Amino acid sequence: MIETVIRKRIEILADTPLVKRVTQEIDKVGITGWTVLPVQSGSGRDGPWRDERVTGSDKSLVLTIAPESKAQALAEALVPNLGNYGLLLTMWDVEVIRGERF
């Protein structure tokens, strides 16, 4: 049987111009990797939205996986930005193979 370990999967939905700030915080807390994915559309409390590069309202999803202690440190670092910049941060437990890489 393959051995797995529990890590936190963290997803942060942000306006694309804020991605650099988010990834800098990820690096600062010592998380070793992240991925940025474009987001084309969605719907939330304020209703549906679509990617709009002309007005600068395009969004990106930043994905990373980390041990619980680093995930908590990242969440604490980003809390002031959640309301100010409308970031959406979710995290949950995932099983990973080669846990030493995360």
N, C-alpha and C. Protein backbone atom coordinates (compact mmCIF):
# COMPACT_ATOMS: atom_id res chain seq x y z
N MET A 1 0.85 -1.19 0.00
CA MET A 1 0.00 0.00 0.00
C MET A 1 0.88 1.25 0.00
N ILE A 2 0.47 2.24 -0.75
CA ILE A 2 1.22 3.49 -0.84
C ILE A 2 0.97 4.30 0.43
N GLU A 3 2.05 4.83 0.98
CA GLU A 3 1.94 5.65 2.19
C GLU A 3 1.63 7.10 1.80
N THR A 4 0.65 7.67 2.46
CA THR A 4 0.29 9.07 2.24
C THR A 4 0.39 9.83 3.56
N VAL A 5 0.48 11.15 3.45
CA VAL A 5 0.46 12.02 4.63
C VAL A 5 -0.58 13.10 4.40
N ILE A 6 -1.07 13.67 5.49
CA ILE A 6 -2.07 14.73 5.41
C ILE A 6 -1.37 16.08 5.32
N ARG A 7 -1.80 16.87 4.36
CA ARG A 7 -1.34 18.25 4.21
C ARG A 7 -2.57 19.12 3.99
N LYS A 8 -2.40 20.42 3.99
CA LYS A 8 -3.49 21.35 3.71
C LYS A 8 -3.40 21.81 2.26
N ARG A 9 -4.49 21.72 1.56
CA ARG A 9 -4.60 22.30 0.21
C ARG A 9 -5.21 23.68 0.40
N ILE A 10 -4.57 24.69 -0.13
CA ILE A 10 -5.01 26.06 0.04
C ILE A 10 -5.30 26.65 -1.33
N GLU A 11 -6.48 27.23 -1.47
CA GLU A 11 -6.85 27.92 -2.70
C GLU A 11 -7.21 29.35 -2.36
N ILE A 12 -6.65 30.28 -3.12
CA ILE A 12 -6.90 31.70 -2.90
C ILE A 12 -7.37 32.31 -4.22
N LEU A 13 -8.61 32.78 -4.23
CA LEU A 13 -9.15 33.47 -5.39
C LEU A 13 -8.87 34.95 -5.20
N ALA A 14 -8.20 35.55 -6.18
CA ALA A 14 -7.79 36.95 -6.05
C ALA A 14 -7.89 37.65 -7.40
N ASP A 15 -8.08 38.95 -7.36
CA ASP A 15 -7.94 39.74 -8.58
C ASP A 15 -6.51 39.55 -9.07
N THR A 16 -6.32 39.35 -10.35
CA THR A 16 -5.01 39.03 -10.91
C THR A 16 -3.92 40.02 -10.51
N PRO A 17 -4.19 41.32 -10.43
CA PRO A 17 -3.12 42.23 -10.00
C PRO A 17 -2.61 41.97 -8.57
N LEU A 18 -3.36 41.23 -7.76
CA LEU A 18 -2.95 40.94 -6.38
C LEU A 18 -2.18 39.63 -6.25
N VAL A 19 -2.07 38.87 -7.32
CA VAL A 19 -1.43 37.55 -7.25
C VAL A 19 0.00 37.65 -6.75
N LYS A 20 0.74 38.63 -7.20
CA LYS A 20 2.13 38.76 -6.76
C LYS A 20 2.21 38.94 -5.25
N ARG A 21 1.31 39.72 -4.69
CA ARG A 21 1.29 39.92 -3.23
C ARG A 21 1.00 38.61 -2.51
N VAL A 22 0.05 37.83 -3.04
CA VAL A 22 -0.29 36.53 -2.45
C VAL A 22 0.89 35.57 -2.53
N THR A 23 1.52 35.47 -3.69
CA THR A 23 2.64 34.52 -3.83
C THR A 23 3.84 34.95 -2.99
N GLN A 24 4.02 36.24 -2.79
CA GLN A 24 5.10 36.70 -1.90
C GLN A 24 4.85 36.25 -0.47
N GLU A 25 3.60 36.29 -0.03
CA GLU A 25 3.26 35.81 1.32
C GLU A 25 3.47 34.30 1.43
N ILE A 26 3.13 33.58 0.37
CA ILE A 26 3.36 32.13 0.37
C ILE A 26 4.85 31.85 0.54
N ASP A 27 5.67 32.54 -0.23
CA ASP A 27 7.12 32.37 -0.12
C ASP A 27 7.63 32.76 1.26
N LYS A 28 7.08 33.85 1.80
CA LYS A 28 7.55 34.38 3.08
C LYS A 28 7.33 33.40 4.24
N VAL A 29 6.23 32.65 4.20
CA VAL A 29 5.96 31.70 5.30
C VAL A 29 6.67 30.36 5.09
N GLY A 30 7.41 30.24 3.98
CA GLY A 30 8.22 29.04 3.77
C GLY A 30 7.54 27.90 3.03
N ILE A 31 6.43 28.19 2.38
CA ILE A 31 5.79 27.16 1.55
C ILE A 31 6.59 27.10 0.25
N THR A 32 6.93 25.88 -0.17
CA THR A 32 7.92 25.71 -1.23
C THR A 32 7.39 25.77 -2.66
N GLY A 33 6.10 25.87 -2.86
CA GLY A 33 5.61 25.93 -4.24
C GLY A 33 4.19 26.42 -4.31
N TRP A 34 3.82 26.91 -5.48
CA TRP A 34 2.46 27.38 -5.73
C TRP A 34 2.20 27.35 -7.23
N THR A 35 0.93 27.39 -7.59
CA THR A 35 0.50 27.41 -8.98
C THR A 35 -0.57 28.49 -9.13
N VAL A 36 -0.53 29.22 -10.24
CA VAL A 36 -1.53 30.24 -10.52
C VAL A 36 -2.31 29.81 -11.76
N LEU A 37 -3.63 29.81 -11.63
CA LEU A 37 -4.52 29.42 -12.72
C LEU A 37 -5.46 30.58 -13.06
N PRO A 38 -5.70 30.84 -14.34
CA PRO A 38 -6.66 31.88 -14.70
C PRO A 38 -8.08 31.41 -14.40
N VAL A 39 -8.93 32.35 -14.02
CA VAL A 39 -10.34 32.05 -13.76
C VAL A 39 -11.16 32.90 -14.73
N GLN A 40 -12.06 32.26 -15.46
CA GLN A 40 -12.78 32.96 -16.52
C GLN A 40 -14.11 33.55 -16.08
N SER A 41 -14.79 32.90 -15.15
CA SER A 41 -16.08 33.43 -14.71
C SER A 41 -16.49 32.77 -13.42
N GLY A 42 -17.52 33.32 -12.80
CA GLY A 42 -18.02 32.77 -11.56
C GLY A 42 -19.24 33.53 -11.10
N SER A 43 -19.70 33.18 -9.92
CA SER A 43 -20.83 33.87 -9.33
C SER A 43 -20.64 33.84 -7.83
N GLY A 44 -21.00 34.92 -7.19
CA GLY A 44 -20.85 35.01 -5.75
C GLY A 44 -21.95 35.85 -5.14
N ARG A 45 -21.68 36.37 -3.96
CA ARG A 45 -22.65 37.18 -3.22
C ARG A 45 -23.18 38.35 -4.06
N ASP A 46 -22.30 38.93 -4.87
CA ASP A 46 -22.69 40.08 -5.71
C ASP A 46 -23.20 39.68 -7.09
N GLY A 47 -23.38 38.38 -7.31
CA GLY A 47 -23.90 37.92 -8.59
C GLY A 47 -22.82 37.42 -9.52
N PRO A 48 -23.20 37.08 -10.75
CA PRO A 48 -22.25 36.51 -11.71
C PRO A 48 -21.24 37.56 -12.20
N TRP A 49 -20.07 37.08 -12.60
CA TRP A 49 -19.04 37.93 -13.18
C TRP A 49 -18.31 37.14 -14.26
N ARG A 50 -17.69 37.84 -15.15
CA ARG A 50 -16.90 37.23 -16.23
C ARG A 50 -15.54 37.89 -16.27
N ASP A 51 -14.57 37.15 -16.77
CA ASP A 51 -13.22 37.68 -16.96
C ASP A 51 -13.30 38.94 -17.81
N GLU A 52 -12.69 39.99 -17.33
CA GLU A 52 -12.74 41.27 -18.05
C GLU A 52 -11.37 41.94 -17.96
N ARG A 53 -10.48 41.56 -18.86
CA ARG A 53 -9.12 42.09 -18.84
C ARG A 53 -9.06 43.58 -19.18
N VAL A 54 -10.03 44.08 -19.91
CA VAL A 54 -10.02 45.49 -20.30
C VAL A 54 -10.16 46.38 -19.07
N THR A 55 -11.04 46.01 -18.15
CA THR A 55 -11.25 46.84 -16.95
C THR A 55 -10.39 46.38 -15.78
N GLY A 56 -9.61 45.33 -15.96
CA GLY A 56 -8.73 44.87 -14.90
C GLY A 56 -9.42 44.06 -13.83
N SER A 57 -10.59 43.51 -14.13
CA SER A 57 -11.30 42.73 -13.11
C SER A 57 -11.11 41.23 -13.29
N ASP A 58 -10.07 40.82 -14.01
CA ASP A 58 -9.83 39.40 -14.18
C ASP A 58 -9.33 38.81 -12.87
N LYS A 59 -9.60 37.52 -12.69
CA LYS A 59 -9.26 36.84 -11.44
C LYS A 59 -8.35 35.65 -11.72
N SER A 60 -7.63 35.26 -10.67
CA SER A 60 -6.76 34.10 -10.73
C SER A 60 -6.97 33.27 -9.47
N LEU A 61 -6.66 31.98 -9.58
CA LEU A 61 -6.71 31.07 -8.45
C LEU A 61 -5.28 30.65 -8.14
N VAL A 62 -4.85 30.91 -6.91
CA VAL A 62 -3.52 30.49 -6.46
C VAL A 62 -3.71 29.23 -5.65
N LEU A 63 -3.00 28.19 -6.01
CA LEU A 63 -3.11 26.88 -5.37
C LEU A 63 -1.78 26.51 -4.76
N THR A 64 -1.80 26.04 -3.51
CA THR A 64 -0.59 25.54 -2.88
C THR A 64 -0.96 24.43 -1.90
N ILE A 65 0.02 23.63 -1.53
CA ILE A 65 -0.16 22.56 -0.54
C ILE A 65 0.95 22.70 0.49
N ALA A 66 0.58 22.59 1.77
CA ALA A 66 1.55 22.84 2.84
C ALA A 66 1.19 22.07 4.10
N PRO A 67 2.18 21.91 5.00
CA PRO A 67 1.85 21.37 6.32
C PRO A 67 0.94 22.35 7.06
N GLU A 68 0.22 21.84 8.04
CA GLU A 68 -0.76 22.67 8.76
C GLU A 68 -0.14 23.94 9.35
N SER A 69 1.04 23.85 9.93
CA SER A 69 1.64 25.04 10.56
C SER A 69 1.90 26.15 9.56
N LYS A 70 2.38 25.80 8.38
CA LYS A 70 2.63 26.82 7.36
C LYS A 70 1.33 27.33 6.75
N ALA A 71 0.34 26.46 6.63
CA ALA A 71 -0.97 26.88 6.12
C ALA A 71 -1.60 27.90 7.07
N GLN A 72 -1.50 27.65 8.37
CA GLN A 72 -2.04 28.59 9.35
C GLN A 72 -1.28 29.92 9.31
N ALA A 73 0.03 29.85 9.16
CA ALA A 73 0.84 31.08 9.07
C ALA A 73 0.43 31.90 7.84
N LEU A 74 0.18 31.23 6.73
CA LEU A 74 -0.26 31.93 5.52
C LEU A 74 -1.62 32.56 5.73
N ALA A 75 -2.55 31.83 6.32
CA ALA A 75 -3.89 32.37 6.56
C ALA A 75 -3.80 33.61 7.45
N GLU A 76 -3.00 33.55 8.49
CA GLU A 76 -2.83 34.70 9.38
C GLU A 76 -2.23 35.90 8.64
N ALA A 77 -1.29 35.64 7.76
CA ALA A 77 -0.67 36.73 7.00
C ALA A 77 -1.65 37.37 6.02
N LEU A 78 -2.59 36.58 5.50
CA LEU A 78 -3.52 37.10 4.50
C LEU A 78 -4.82 37.65 5.08
N VAL A 79 -5.11 37.38 6.35
CA VAL A 79 -6.37 37.83 6.95
C VAL A 79 -6.62 39.32 6.72
N PRO A 80 -5.65 40.22 6.90
CA PRO A 80 -5.94 41.63 6.67
C PRO A 80 -6.35 41.94 5.22
N ASN A 81 -5.95 41.12 4.28
CA ASN A 81 -6.27 41.35 2.87
C ASN A 81 -7.58 40.71 2.43
N LEU A 82 -8.12 39.81 3.24
CA LEU A 82 -9.33 39.11 2.82
C LEU A 82 -10.48 40.08 2.59
N GLY A 83 -10.74 40.94 3.56
CA GLY A 83 -11.83 41.90 3.42
C GLY A 83 -11.46 43.10 2.58
N ASN A 84 -10.24 43.58 2.75
CA ASN A 84 -9.81 44.79 2.03
C ASN A 84 -9.79 44.58 0.52
N TYR A 85 -9.37 43.40 0.08
CA TYR A 85 -9.20 43.15 -1.35
C TYR A 85 -10.14 42.08 -1.89
N GLY A 86 -11.05 41.59 -1.07
CA GLY A 86 -12.02 40.61 -1.54
C GLY A 86 -11.42 39.26 -1.89
N LEU A 87 -10.34 38.89 -1.20
CA LEU A 87 -9.77 37.56 -1.45
C LEU A 87 -10.69 36.49 -0.87
N LEU A 88 -10.70 35.34 -1.49
CA LEU A 88 -11.40 34.18 -0.96
C LEU A 88 -10.36 33.11 -0.69
N LEU A 89 -10.24 32.68 0.55
CA LEU A 89 -9.25 31.69 0.93
C LEU A 89 -9.97 30.47 1.48
N THR A 90 -9.68 29.31 0.90
CA THR A 90 -10.21 28.05 1.42
C THR A 90 -9.06 27.10 1.65
N MET A 91 -9.22 26.24 2.65
CA MET A 91 -8.21 25.19 2.87
C MET A 91 -8.89 23.96 3.46
N TRP A 92 -8.35 22.82 3.11
CA TRP A 92 -8.87 21.56 3.63
C TRP A 92 -7.77 20.52 3.58
N ASP A 93 -8.00 19.42 4.31
CA ASP A 93 -7.04 18.32 4.37
C ASP A 93 -7.05 17.53 3.06
N VAL A 94 -5.84 17.19 2.61
CA VAL A 94 -5.68 16.30 1.47
C VAL A 94 -4.61 15.27 1.80
N GLU A 95 -4.68 14.13 1.16
CA GLU A 95 -3.63 13.13 1.31
C GLU A 95 -2.67 13.28 0.13
N VAL A 96 -1.38 13.31 0.43
CA VAL A 96 -0.39 13.42 -0.63
C VAL A 96 0.62 12.29 -0.51
N ILE A 97 1.15 11.92 -1.65
CA ILE A 97 2.26 10.97 -1.70
C ILE A 97 3.53 11.82 -1.74
N ARG A 98 4.60 11.37 -1.16
CA ARG A 98 5.86 12.13 -1.07
C ARG A 98 5.65 13.40 -0.25
N GLY A 99 5.11 13.24 0.93
CA GLY A 99 4.80 14.36 1.79
C GLY A 99 5.98 15.24 2.14
N GLU A 100 7.19 14.72 2.05
CA GLU A 100 8.38 15.53 2.37
C GLU A 100 8.56 16.68 1.37
N ARG A 101 7.90 16.60 0.24
CA ARG A 101 8.00 17.66 -0.77
C ARG A 101 7.12 18.86 -0.44
N PHE A 102 6.22 18.70 0.54
CA PHE A 102 5.27 19.77 0.87
C PHE A 102 5.45 20.23 2.29
